[in-house]
Amino acid sequence: MDITQYHPVVIEGMGGYDKRDPHPVARQVTKQLLSHWYKKPPDKPLLVLTQGDPPEPSGIAAITPLVALHLGVQRGLVYLDEHISDDHRAQADRDGVILEMKYSDLVSELTKVVPGCMGLLASAIDQQILTKNDQRARLDKAPLKDYFRDFALLQEVTKAFCSQRCSGITIIHTSTNISEFSVTSFYTVGAALGLVDLVNMVAYSER
């Protein structure tokens, strides 16, 4: 099964620390997606992508499957290689998942289409981490955990790969307020490098 047969839907947002009821959030995400597609309809079947999140009662792991349910579509899974995270694939929620893709395979295919992009992505993410850690130091906060780099790369490579290899992609956040110290906040990297087109990003909106 090939991801290029689908129109990927990437939902990004807070993890389990997002204590909002996931049901109204999922309904709002679905509403915004349908409004977006009314003006710009996908030309392939939808597939909601999950980036290895384990099941949780709230946050992105709870919201994503609800959106897939509301849309009546199945899901795909992107996971980190075992040498990067030995439990990422094992702990991932596979309910409704019909397609799985490994991070290193996406990297390999992406670099065929955009040679040299991984060096640019990694460098930009590293620079953002340095900037964020400087900000955190001024706030007397500890530096970001090392895993932030791996998951920021996973996030941006997933969107860049789908943007470059699929005929369409839709990206949406689960909140209008994105913490500057979250993995989600790295969404600016792919856009700044031209690997992800902001025209495909849908505003969450509180209304």
N, C-alpha and C. Protein backbone atom coordinates (compact mmCIF):
# COMPACT_ATOMS: atom_id res chain seq x y z
N MET A 1 0.85 -1.19 0.00
CA MET A 1 0.00 0.00 0.00
C MET A 1 0.89 1.25 0.00
N ASP A 2 0.50 2.23 -0.80
CA ASP A 2 1.35 3.40 -1.05
C ASP A 2 0.65 4.67 -0.57
N ILE A 3 1.33 5.46 0.24
CA ILE A 3 0.76 6.70 0.77
C ILE A 3 0.39 7.67 -0.35
N THR A 4 1.06 7.58 -1.51
CA THR A 4 0.76 8.51 -2.60
C THR A 4 -0.61 8.26 -3.22
N GLN A 5 -1.25 7.16 -2.84
CA GLN A 5 -2.61 6.89 -3.31
C GLN A 5 -3.65 7.70 -2.50
N TYR A 6 -3.18 8.37 -1.44
CA TYR A 6 -4.08 9.06 -0.53
C TYR A 6 -3.77 10.55 -0.43
N HIS A 7 -4.73 11.26 0.16
CA HIS A 7 -4.53 12.66 0.56
C HIS A 7 -4.30 12.64 2.07
N PRO A 8 -3.06 12.79 2.52
CA PRO A 8 -2.76 12.70 3.96
C PRO A 8 -3.33 13.90 4.73
N VAL A 9 -3.84 13.60 5.91
CA VAL A 9 -4.32 14.62 6.83
C VAL A 9 -3.46 14.54 8.10
N VAL A 10 -2.70 15.59 8.36
CA VAL A 10 -1.79 15.60 9.51
C VAL A 10 -2.36 16.53 10.58
N ILE A 11 -2.64 15.96 11.75
CA ILE A 11 -3.20 16.73 12.87
C ILE A 11 -2.11 16.86 13.93
N GLU A 12 -1.80 18.09 14.31
CA GLU A 12 -0.72 18.33 15.26
C GLU A 12 -1.25 19.06 16.49
N GLY A 13 -0.71 18.70 17.64
CA GLY A 13 -1.15 19.39 18.84
C GLY A 13 -0.52 18.83 20.09
N MET A 14 -1.02 19.29 21.21
CA MET A 14 -0.47 18.92 22.52
C MET A 14 -0.72 17.45 22.84
N GLY A 15 0.16 16.90 23.66
CA GLY A 15 0.03 15.52 24.10
C GLY A 15 -0.97 15.40 25.24
N GLY A 16 -0.75 14.41 26.09
CA GLY A 16 -1.68 14.12 27.17
C GLY A 16 -1.84 15.22 28.18
N TYR A 17 -0.94 16.21 28.18
CA TYR A 17 -1.08 17.33 29.12
C TYR A 17 -2.20 18.29 28.69
N ASP A 18 -2.73 18.08 27.50
CA ASP A 18 -3.91 18.83 27.06
C ASP A 18 -5.13 18.16 27.69
N LYS A 19 -5.66 18.75 28.73
CA LYS A 19 -6.74 18.12 29.50
C LYS A 19 -8.13 18.49 29.00
N ARG A 20 -8.25 19.16 27.87
CA ARG A 20 -9.56 19.45 27.31
C ARG A 20 -10.28 18.15 26.93
N ASP A 21 -11.58 18.18 26.98
CA ASP A 21 -12.37 17.05 26.48
C ASP A 21 -12.07 16.91 24.99
N PRO A 22 -11.56 15.74 24.56
CA PRO A 22 -11.16 15.61 23.16
C PRO A 22 -12.32 15.63 22.17
N HIS A 23 -13.54 15.34 22.63
CA HIS A 23 -14.67 15.24 21.70
C HIS A 23 -15.03 16.57 21.04
N PRO A 24 -15.23 17.66 21.80
CA PRO A 24 -15.52 18.92 21.12
C PRO A 24 -14.34 19.44 20.30
N VAL A 25 -13.13 19.15 20.74
CA VAL A 25 -11.95 19.56 19.96
C VAL A 25 -11.95 18.84 18.61
N ALA A 26 -12.21 17.54 18.64
CA ALA A 26 -12.25 16.75 17.40
C ALA A 26 -13.36 17.23 16.47
N ARG A 27 -14.51 17.59 17.05
CA ARG A 27 -15.61 18.10 16.22
C ARG A 27 -15.22 19.42 15.56
N GLN A 28 -14.51 20.27 16.31
CA GLN A 28 -14.08 21.56 15.75
C GLN A 28 -13.04 21.36 14.65
N VAL A 29 -12.10 20.45 14.88
CA VAL A 29 -11.10 20.14 13.87
C VAL A 29 -11.79 19.63 12.60
N THR A 30 -12.74 18.72 12.77
CA THR A 30 -13.48 18.16 11.64
C THR A 30 -14.24 19.26 10.89
N LYS A 31 -14.87 20.14 11.63
CA LYS A 31 -15.61 21.25 11.01
C LYS A 31 -14.69 22.13 10.16
N GLN A 32 -13.52 22.45 10.70
CA GLN A 32 -12.57 23.29 9.97
C GLN A 32 -12.02 22.58 8.73
N LEU A 33 -11.78 21.29 8.85
CA LEU A 33 -11.29 20.52 7.71
C LEU A 33 -12.33 20.50 6.59
N LEU A 34 -13.58 20.22 6.94
CA LEU A 34 -14.63 20.14 5.93
C LEU A 34 -14.84 21.49 5.25
N SER A 35 -14.74 22.57 6.01
CA SER A 35 -14.86 23.91 5.44
C SER A 35 -13.72 24.17 4.45
N HIS A 36 -12.52 23.76 4.82
CA HIS A 36 -11.35 23.92 3.95
C HIS A 36 -11.53 23.12 2.66
N TRP A 37 -11.98 21.89 2.78
CA TRP A 37 -12.13 21.02 1.61
C TRP A 37 -13.30 21.41 0.73
N TYR A 38 -14.26 22.15 1.28
CA TYR A 38 -15.36 22.64 0.45
C TYR A 38 -14.82 23.60 -0.61
N LYS A 39 -13.81 24.38 -0.20
CA LYS A 39 -13.20 25.33 -1.13
C LYS A 39 -12.06 24.70 -1.94
N LYS A 40 -11.42 23.70 -1.34
CA LYS A 40 -10.26 23.07 -1.99
C LYS A 40 -10.36 21.55 -1.82
N PRO A 41 -11.27 20.91 -2.58
CA PRO A 41 -11.53 19.48 -2.36
C PRO A 41 -10.33 18.60 -2.71
N PRO A 42 -10.07 17.58 -1.88
CA PRO A 42 -9.00 16.62 -2.16
C PRO A 42 -9.34 15.81 -3.41
N ASP A 43 -8.29 15.40 -4.14
CA ASP A 43 -8.53 14.62 -5.35
C ASP A 43 -8.24 13.13 -5.15
N LYS A 44 -7.97 12.76 -3.88
CA LYS A 44 -7.71 11.36 -3.55
C LYS A 44 -8.39 11.03 -2.21
N PRO A 45 -8.54 9.74 -1.89
CA PRO A 45 -9.14 9.38 -0.59
C PRO A 45 -8.31 9.93 0.58
N LEU A 46 -8.99 10.31 1.63
CA LEU A 46 -8.32 10.86 2.81
C LEU A 46 -7.69 9.74 3.64
N LEU A 47 -6.58 10.06 4.29
CA LEU A 47 -5.94 9.15 5.25
C LEU A 47 -5.38 10.02 6.37
N VAL A 48 -5.90 9.84 7.58
CA VAL A 48 -5.42 10.60 8.74
C VAL A 48 -4.13 9.98 9.25
N LEU A 49 -3.06 10.76 9.29
CA LEU A 49 -1.76 10.24 9.72
C LEU A 49 -1.56 10.41 11.22
N THR A 50 -1.07 9.37 11.85
CA THR A 50 -0.70 9.38 13.26
C THR A 50 0.81 9.23 13.35
N GLN A 51 1.45 10.05 14.18
CA GLN A 51 2.91 9.99 14.30
C GLN A 51 3.34 9.24 15.56
N GLY A 52 2.86 8.00 15.67
CA GLY A 52 3.32 7.09 16.70
C GLY A 52 2.81 7.34 18.10
N ASP A 53 1.77 8.14 18.24
CA ASP A 53 1.28 8.45 19.58
C ASP A 53 0.65 7.21 20.23
N PRO A 54 1.02 6.90 21.47
CA PRO A 54 0.35 5.81 22.19
C PRO A 54 -1.03 6.26 22.64
N PRO A 55 -1.95 5.35 22.89
CA PRO A 55 -3.30 5.73 23.32
C PRO A 55 -3.27 6.54 24.62
N GLU A 56 -4.05 7.61 24.65
CA GLU A 56 -4.21 8.42 25.86
C GLU A 56 -5.63 8.94 25.91
N PRO A 57 -6.14 9.30 27.10
CA PRO A 57 -7.52 9.77 27.22
C PRO A 57 -7.73 11.20 26.74
N SER A 58 -6.65 11.95 26.57
CA SER A 58 -6.78 13.33 26.12
C SER A 58 -5.59 13.69 25.24
N GLY A 59 -5.63 14.88 24.66
CA GLY A 59 -4.55 15.33 23.81
C GLY A 59 -4.64 14.76 22.40
N ILE A 60 -3.56 14.93 21.66
CA ILE A 60 -3.53 14.55 20.25
C ILE A 60 -3.85 13.08 20.02
N ALA A 61 -3.41 12.22 20.93
CA ALA A 61 -3.65 10.78 20.77
C ALA A 61 -5.13 10.43 20.87
N ALA A 62 -5.89 11.22 21.60
CA ALA A 62 -7.33 11.00 21.71
C ALA A 62 -8.10 11.71 20.60
N ILE A 63 -7.60 12.87 20.20
CA ILE A 63 -8.30 13.69 19.20
C ILE A 63 -8.21 13.08 17.80
N THR A 64 -7.02 12.62 17.42
CA THR A 64 -6.80 12.14 16.06
C THR A 64 -7.75 11.00 15.65
N PRO A 65 -7.89 9.94 16.46
CA PRO A 65 -8.82 8.88 16.05
C PRO A 65 -10.27 9.33 16.00
N LEU A 66 -10.64 10.31 16.84
CA LEU A 66 -12.00 10.84 16.80
C LEU A 66 -12.26 11.59 15.49
N VAL A 67 -11.27 12.34 15.03
CA VAL A 67 -11.40 13.05 13.76
C VAL A 67 -11.54 12.03 12.62
N ALA A 68 -10.72 10.99 12.64
CA ALA A 68 -10.82 9.95 11.61
C ALA A 68 -12.21 9.31 11.62
N LEU A 69 -12.75 9.11 12.82
CA LEU A 69 -14.09 8.54 12.97
C LEU A 69 -15.14 9.48 12.39
N HIS A 70 -15.05 10.76 12.72
CA HIS A 70 -16.00 11.75 12.20
C HIS A 70 -15.95 11.82 10.67
N LEU A 71 -14.75 11.70 10.13
CA LEU A 71 -14.58 11.78 8.67
C LEU A 71 -14.92 10.46 7.98
N GLY A 72 -14.97 9.39 8.78
CA GLY A 72 -15.23 8.07 8.21
C GLY A 72 -14.08 7.53 7.38
N VAL A 73 -12.85 7.84 7.83
CA VAL A 73 -11.67 7.40 7.08
C VAL A 73 -10.73 6.62 8.00
N GLN A 74 -9.80 5.91 7.39
CA GLN A 74 -8.84 5.14 8.15
C GLN A 74 -7.56 5.94 8.37
N ARG A 75 -6.62 5.31 9.08
CA ARG A 75 -5.42 6.05 9.49
C ARG A 75 -4.14 5.37 9.00
N GLY A 76 -3.11 6.19 8.93
CA GLY A 76 -1.77 5.70 8.65
C GLY A 76 -0.88 6.02 9.84
N LEU A 77 0.19 5.28 9.98
CA LEU A 77 1.12 5.45 11.10
C LEU A 77 2.52 5.72 10.60
N VAL A 78 3.15 6.76 11.11
CA VAL A 78 4.56 7.03 10.86
C VAL A 78 5.29 6.86 12.19
N TYR A 79 6.37 6.08 12.19
CA TYR A 79 7.06 5.78 13.45
C TYR A 79 8.57 5.93 13.30
N LEU A 80 9.21 6.21 14.42
CA LEU A 80 10.67 6.33 14.45
C LEU A 80 11.33 4.96 14.42
N ASP A 81 12.46 4.87 13.75
CA ASP A 81 13.23 3.62 13.73
C ASP A 81 13.63 3.22 15.14
N GLU A 82 13.82 1.93 15.32
CA GLU A 82 14.12 1.40 16.65
C GLU A 82 15.41 1.97 17.22
N HIS A 83 16.39 2.25 16.37
CA HIS A 83 17.67 2.77 16.88
C HIS A 83 17.53 4.22 17.37
N ILE A 84 16.43 4.88 16.98
CA ILE A 84 16.17 6.24 17.46
C ILE A 84 15.30 6.20 18.71
N SER A 85 14.25 5.39 18.66
CA SER A 85 13.35 5.21 19.81
C SER A 85 12.89 3.76 19.82
N ASP A 86 13.39 3.00 20.79
CA ASP A 86 13.15 1.55 20.75
C ASP A 86 11.72 1.14 21.08
N ASP A 87 10.90 2.06 21.59
CA ASP A 87 9.53 1.68 21.93
C ASP A 87 8.47 2.48 21.18
N HIS A 88 8.89 3.35 20.26
CA HIS A 88 7.94 4.23 19.57
C HIS A 88 6.93 3.43 18.75
N ARG A 89 7.43 2.50 17.96
CA ARG A 89 6.53 1.69 17.14
C ARG A 89 5.69 0.76 17.99
N ALA A 90 6.31 0.15 18.99
CA ALA A 90 5.62 -0.84 19.81
C ALA A 90 4.44 -0.24 20.58
N GLN A 91 4.58 1.00 21.01
CA GLN A 91 3.55 1.62 21.84
C GLN A 91 2.49 2.38 21.03
N ALA A 92 2.69 2.48 19.73
CA ALA A 92 1.78 3.28 18.91
C ALA A 92 0.37 2.70 18.86
N ASP A 93 -0.61 3.58 18.80
CA ASP A 93 -2.01 3.19 18.66
C ASP A 93 -2.23 2.76 17.21
N ARG A 94 -2.69 1.52 17.03
CA ARG A 94 -2.89 1.00 15.68
C ARG A 94 -4.36 0.80 15.31
N ASP A 95 -5.24 1.29 16.12
CA ASP A 95 -6.67 1.13 15.83
C ASP A 95 -7.02 1.88 14.54
N GLY A 96 -7.54 1.15 13.56
CA GLY A 96 -7.91 1.77 12.30
C GLY A 96 -6.75 2.07 11.37
N VAL A 97 -5.54 1.62 11.72
CA VAL A 97 -4.36 1.89 10.90
C VAL A 97 -4.23 0.85 9.78
N ILE A 98 -4.14 1.32 8.55
CA ILE A 98 -4.04 0.41 7.40
C ILE A 98 -2.69 0.53 6.69
N LEU A 99 -1.87 1.49 7.13
CA LEU A 99 -0.59 1.72 6.45
C LEU A 99 0.43 2.21 7.46
N GLU A 100 1.61 1.62 7.46
CA GLU A 100 2.68 2.03 8.38
C GLU A 100 3.92 2.42 7.59
N MET A 101 4.58 3.49 8.03
CA MET A 101 5.78 3.97 7.36
C MET A 101 6.87 4.28 8.38
N LYS A 102 8.07 3.86 8.06
CA LYS A 102 9.21 4.08 8.94
C LYS A 102 9.90 5.39 8.59
N TYR A 103 10.32 6.11 9.63
CA TYR A 103 10.96 7.42 9.46
C TYR A 103 12.11 7.37 8.45
N SER A 104 13.01 6.41 8.57
CA SER A 104 14.18 6.36 7.69
C SER A 104 13.78 6.15 6.23
N ASP A 105 12.67 5.46 6.00
CA ASP A 105 12.19 5.27 4.62
C ASP A 105 11.68 6.59 4.05
N LEU A 106 11.01 7.37 4.89
CA LEU A 106 10.54 8.69 4.44
C LEU A 106 11.72 9.60 4.11
N VAL A 107 12.74 9.55 4.98
CA VAL A 107 13.95 10.35 4.75
C VAL A 107 14.58 9.98 3.41
N SER A 108 14.70 8.67 3.16
CA SER A 108 15.31 8.20 1.92
C SER A 108 14.56 8.69 0.69
N GLU A 109 13.24 8.58 0.73
CA GLU A 109 12.43 9.01 -0.41
C GLU A 109 12.42 10.53 -0.56
N LEU A 110 12.37 11.24 0.57
CA LEU A 110 12.34 12.70 0.51
C LEU A 110 13.62 13.26 -0.10
N THR A 111 14.76 12.68 0.28
CA THR A 111 16.04 13.21 -0.22
C THR A 111 16.25 12.91 -1.70
N LYS A 112 15.50 11.94 -2.23
CA LYS A 112 15.55 11.70 -3.68
C LYS A 112 14.87 12.84 -4.43
N VAL A 113 13.82 13.37 -3.81
CA VAL A 113 13.05 14.45 -4.44
C VAL A 113 13.68 15.81 -4.18
N VAL A 114 14.18 16.00 -2.95
CA VAL A 114 14.79 17.28 -2.57
C VAL A 114 16.17 16.99 -1.97
N PRO A 115 17.18 16.79 -2.80
CA PRO A 115 18.52 16.49 -2.28
C PRO A 115 19.03 17.58 -1.33
N GLY A 116 19.64 17.15 -0.24
CA GLY A 116 20.23 18.09 0.71
C GLY A 116 19.25 18.66 1.72
N CYS A 117 17.97 18.29 1.61
CA CYS A 117 16.98 18.91 2.50
C CYS A 117 17.14 18.48 3.95
N MET A 118 17.64 17.26 4.19
CA MET A 118 17.74 16.79 5.57
C MET A 118 18.76 17.60 6.36
N GLY A 119 19.84 17.99 5.71
CA GLY A 119 20.83 18.82 6.38
C GLY A 119 20.24 20.17 6.76
N LEU A 120 19.43 20.73 5.86
CA LEU A 120 18.78 22.01 6.13
C LEU A 120 17.75 21.88 7.25
N LEU A 121 16.96 20.81 7.22
CA LEU A 121 15.96 20.58 8.25
C LEU A 121 16.61 20.42 9.62
N ALA A 122 17.61 19.56 9.68
CA ALA A 122 18.28 19.29 10.96
C ALA A 122 18.93 20.55 11.50
N SER A 123 19.58 21.32 10.63
CA SER A 123 20.25 22.54 11.06
C SER A 123 19.25 23.57 11.59
N ALA A 124 18.11 23.71 10.90
CA ALA A 124 17.09 24.67 11.32
C ALA A 124 16.47 24.26 12.65
N ILE A 125 16.23 22.97 12.82
CA ILE A 125 15.66 22.49 14.08
C ILE A 125 16.66 22.67 15.22
N ASP A 126 17.93 22.37 14.95
CA ASP A 126 18.95 22.56 15.98
C ASP A 126 19.04 24.02 16.40
N GLN A 127 18.91 24.93 15.43
CA GLN A 127 18.98 26.35 15.75
C GLN A 127 17.77 26.77 16.58
N GLN A 128 16.62 26.24 16.25
CA GLN A 128 15.42 26.57 17.04
C GLN A 128 15.55 26.04 18.47
N ILE A 129 16.13 24.86 18.61
CA ILE A 129 16.32 24.30 19.95
C ILE A 129 17.24 25.20 20.77
N LEU A 130 18.33 25.67 20.16
CA LEU A 130 19.24 26.58 20.86
C LEU A 130 18.51 27.85 21.29
N THR A 131 17.71 28.40 20.39
CA THR A 131 16.96 29.62 20.69
C THR A 131 15.96 29.38 21.82
N LYS A 132 15.24 28.28 21.74
CA LYS A 132 14.25 27.96 22.76
C LYS A 132 14.92 27.71 24.12
N ASN A 133 16.06 27.05 24.10
CA ASN A 133 16.76 26.79 25.35
C ASN A 133 17.31 28.08 25.98
N ASP A 134 17.71 29.01 25.14
CA ASP A 134 18.13 30.32 25.65
C ASP A 134 16.95 31.02 26.34
N GLN A 135 15.80 30.94 25.68
CA GLN A 135 14.59 31.54 26.26
C GLN A 135 14.22 30.87 27.58
N ARG A 136 14.33 29.55 27.60
CA ARG A 136 14.00 28.80 28.81
C ARG A 136 14.97 29.13 29.95
N ALA A 137 16.24 29.30 29.61
CA ALA A 137 17.23 29.65 30.63
C ALA A 137 16.89 30.98 31.29
N ARG A 138 16.42 31.93 30.46
CA ARG A 138 16.05 33.24 31.01
C ARG A 138 14.81 33.15 31.90
N LEU A 139 14.04 32.10 31.70
CA LEU A 139 12.84 31.87 32.52
C LEU A 139 13.11 30.90 33.67
N ASP A 140 14.39 30.55 33.85
CA ASP A 140 14.80 29.58 34.89
C ASP A 140 14.16 28.21 34.67
N LYS A 141 14.00 27.83 33.41
CA LYS A 141 13.47 26.52 33.06
C LYS A 141 14.60 25.63 32.53
N ALA A 142 14.44 24.32 32.71
CA ALA A 142 15.44 23.37 32.22
C ALA A 142 15.41 23.33 30.69
N PRO A 143 16.52 22.92 30.06
CA PRO A 143 16.53 22.80 28.60
C PRO A 143 15.50 21.77 28.12
N LEU A 144 15.13 21.88 26.86
CA LEU A 144 14.23 20.90 26.28
C LEU A 144 14.87 19.52 26.33
N LYS A 145 14.06 18.50 26.48
CA LYS A 145 14.55 17.12 26.50
C LYS A 145 15.16 16.76 25.14
N ASP A 146 16.13 15.86 25.16
CA ASP A 146 16.81 15.47 23.92
C ASP A 146 15.86 14.94 22.86
N TYR A 147 14.79 14.28 23.28
CA TYR A 147 13.89 13.67 22.31
C TYR A 147 13.14 14.69 21.45
N PHE A 148 13.13 15.95 21.88
CA PHE A 148 12.44 16.97 21.09
C PHE A 148 12.98 17.02 19.66
N ARG A 149 14.29 16.86 19.53
CA ARG A 149 14.88 16.92 18.19
C ARG A 149 14.36 15.79 17.31
N ASP A 150 14.31 14.57 17.84
CA ASP A 150 13.85 13.42 17.07
C ASP A 150 12.40 13.60 16.63
N PHE A 151 11.57 14.06 17.54
CA PHE A 151 10.15 14.17 17.22
C PHE A 151 9.86 15.39 16.35
N ALA A 152 10.65 16.44 16.47
CA ALA A 152 10.51 17.58 15.57
C ALA A 152 10.89 17.17 14.15
N LEU A 153 11.96 16.39 14.03
CA LEU A 153 12.36 15.89 12.72
C LEU A 153 11.30 14.96 12.14
N LEU A 154 10.76 14.07 12.96
CA LEU A 154 9.70 13.17 12.50
C LEU A 154 8.51 13.99 11.98
N GLN A 155 8.12 14.99 12.73
CA GLN A 155 6.98 15.83 12.36
C GLN A 155 7.22 16.53 11.03
N GLU A 156 8.37 17.16 10.89
CA GLU A 156 8.63 17.94 9.69
C GLU A 156 8.94 17.07 8.48
N VAL A 157 9.61 15.94 8.68
CA VAL A 157 9.88 15.02 7.57
C VAL A 157 8.57 14.42 7.06
N THR A 158 7.68 14.05 7.97
CA THR A 158 6.38 13.49 7.57
C THR A 158 5.64 14.46 6.66
N LYS A 159 5.54 15.72 7.07
CA LYS A 159 4.81 16.71 6.28
C LYS A 159 5.54 17.03 4.97
N ALA A 160 6.86 17.13 5.04
CA ALA A 160 7.63 17.43 3.83
C ALA A 160 7.51 16.30 2.82
N PHE A 161 7.62 15.06 3.30
CA PHE A 161 7.49 13.89 2.42
C PHE A 161 6.13 13.89 1.74
N CYS A 162 5.07 14.05 2.53
CA CYS A 162 3.72 14.03 1.97
C CYS A 162 3.50 15.21 1.03
N SER A 163 4.05 16.36 1.37
CA SER A 163 3.90 17.54 0.53
C SER A 163 4.58 17.35 -0.83
N GLN A 164 5.72 16.67 -0.82
CA GLN A 164 6.50 16.51 -2.03
C GLN A 164 6.07 15.30 -2.87
N ARG A 165 5.57 14.25 -2.20
CA ARG A 165 5.28 13.00 -2.91
C ARG A 165 3.80 12.76 -3.19
N CYS A 166 2.92 13.36 -2.39
CA CYS A 166 1.49 13.19 -2.61
C CYS A 166 0.95 14.41 -3.37
N SER A 167 -0.16 14.23 -4.06
CA SER A 167 -0.69 15.35 -4.84
C SER A 167 -1.37 16.39 -3.98
N GLY A 168 -1.55 16.10 -2.70
CA GLY A 168 -2.14 17.05 -1.78
C GLY A 168 -1.94 16.62 -0.35
N ILE A 169 -2.02 17.58 0.55
CA ILE A 169 -1.90 17.30 1.99
C ILE A 169 -2.70 18.38 2.72
N THR A 170 -3.25 18.03 3.87
CA THR A 170 -3.91 19.02 4.72
C THR A 170 -3.34 18.89 6.12
N ILE A 171 -3.00 20.03 6.72
CA ILE A 171 -2.40 20.08 8.06
C ILE A 171 -3.26 20.97 8.94
N ILE A 172 -3.53 20.53 10.16
CA ILE A 172 -4.32 21.33 11.08
C ILE A 172 -3.81 21.14 12.50
N HIS A 173 -3.85 22.19 13.29
CA HIS A 173 -3.49 22.11 14.70
C HIS A 173 -4.75 21.94 15.54
N THR A 174 -4.58 21.47 16.77
CA THR A 174 -5.72 21.23 17.64
C THR A 174 -5.99 22.40 18.59
N SER A 175 -5.29 23.51 18.37
CA SER A 175 -5.48 24.68 19.23
C SER A 175 -4.98 25.92 18.50
N THR A 176 -5.53 27.08 18.86
CA THR A 176 -5.01 28.32 18.31
C THR A 176 -3.77 28.78 19.06
N ASN A 177 -3.59 28.26 20.27
CA ASN A 177 -2.45 28.64 21.10
C ASN A 177 -1.42 27.52 21.12
N ILE A 178 -0.33 27.72 20.43
CA ILE A 178 0.73 26.72 20.34
C ILE A 178 1.89 27.15 21.22
N SER A 179 2.21 26.34 22.20
CA SER A 179 3.31 26.67 23.11
C SER A 179 4.62 26.76 22.33
N GLU A 180 5.38 27.82 22.64
CA GLU A 180 6.67 27.99 21.96
C GLU A 180 7.67 26.91 22.32
N PHE A 181 7.37 26.13 23.36
CA PHE A 181 8.28 25.08 23.79
C PHE A 181 7.73 23.68 23.49
N SER A 182 6.80 23.60 22.57
CA SER A 182 6.23 22.30 22.19
C SER A 182 6.85 21.80 20.90
N VAL A 183 6.75 20.49 20.67
CA VAL A 183 7.20 19.93 19.40
C VAL A 183 6.41 20.55 18.25
N THR A 184 5.12 20.78 18.46
CA THR A 184 4.28 21.37 17.43
C THR A 184 4.85 22.70 16.93
N SER A 185 5.47 23.47 17.82
CA SER A 185 5.96 24.80 17.44
C SER A 185 7.02 24.75 16.34
N PHE A 186 7.60 23.59 16.11
CA PHE A 186 8.61 23.46 15.06
C PHE A 186 7.99 23.42 13.66
N TYR A 187 6.68 23.56 13.58
CA TYR A 187 6.01 23.53 12.28
C TYR A 187 6.51 24.64 11.36
N THR A 188 7.07 25.69 11.93
CA THR A 188 7.57 26.79 11.12
C THR A 188 8.80 26.41 10.29
N VAL A 189 9.48 25.35 10.69
CA VAL A 189 10.73 24.97 10.02
C VAL A 189 10.48 24.52 8.59
N GLY A 190 9.60 23.54 8.42
CA GLY A 190 9.32 23.03 7.08
C GLY A 190 8.77 24.10 6.17
N ALA A 191 7.92 24.96 6.73
CA ALA A 191 7.34 26.04 5.93
C ALA A 191 8.42 27.03 5.50
N ALA A 192 9.31 27.40 6.42
CA ALA A 192 10.36 28.37 6.11
C ALA A 192 11.31 27.85 5.02
N LEU A 193 11.50 26.54 4.98
CA LEU A 193 12.40 25.95 3.98
C LEU A 193 11.69 25.65 2.66
N GLY A 194 10.40 25.94 2.60
CA GLY A 194 9.65 25.68 1.38
C GLY A 194 9.30 24.23 1.15
N LEU A 195 9.44 23.42 2.19
CA LEU A 195 9.11 22.00 2.06
C LEU A 195 7.63 21.73 2.35
N VAL A 196 6.99 22.66 3.04
CA VAL A 196 5.57 22.57 3.36
C VAL A 196 4.93 23.90 2.98
N ASP A 197 3.83 23.84 2.24
CA ASP A 197 3.15 25.05 1.79
C ASP A 197 2.07 25.44 2.80
N LEU A 198 2.16 26.65 3.33
CA LEU A 198 1.20 27.11 4.34
C LEU A 198 -0.23 27.17 3.81
N VAL A 199 -0.41 27.16 2.51
CA VAL A 199 -1.76 27.18 1.95
C VAL A 199 -2.52 25.90 2.30
N ASN A 200 -1.75 24.85 2.67
CA ASN A 200 -2.36 23.57 3.03
C ASN A 200 -2.58 23.44 4.55
N MET A 201 -2.32 24.51 5.29
CA MET A 201 -2.49 24.49 6.73
C MET A 201 -3.81 25.17 7.10
N VAL A 202 -4.63 24.47 7.88
CA VAL A 202 -5.96 24.95 8.23
C VAL A 202 -5.94 25.48 9.66
N ALA A 203 -6.52 26.67 9.87
CA ALA A 203 -6.61 27.24 11.21
C ALA A 203 -7.61 26.47 12.04
N TYR A 204 -7.28 26.25 13.32
CA TYR A 204 -8.20 25.55 14.21
C TYR A 204 -9.44 26.40 14.46
N SER A 205 -9.25 27.63 14.89
CA SER A 205 -10.33 28.56 15.19
C SER A 205 -11.15 28.10 16.38
N GLU A 206 -11.49 29.00 17.27
CA GLU A 206 -12.25 28.66 18.46
C GLU A 206 -13.76 28.69 18.20
N ARG A 207 -14.18 29.13 17.03
CA ARG A 207 -15.60 29.25 16.74
C ARG A 207 -16.13 28.04 15.98
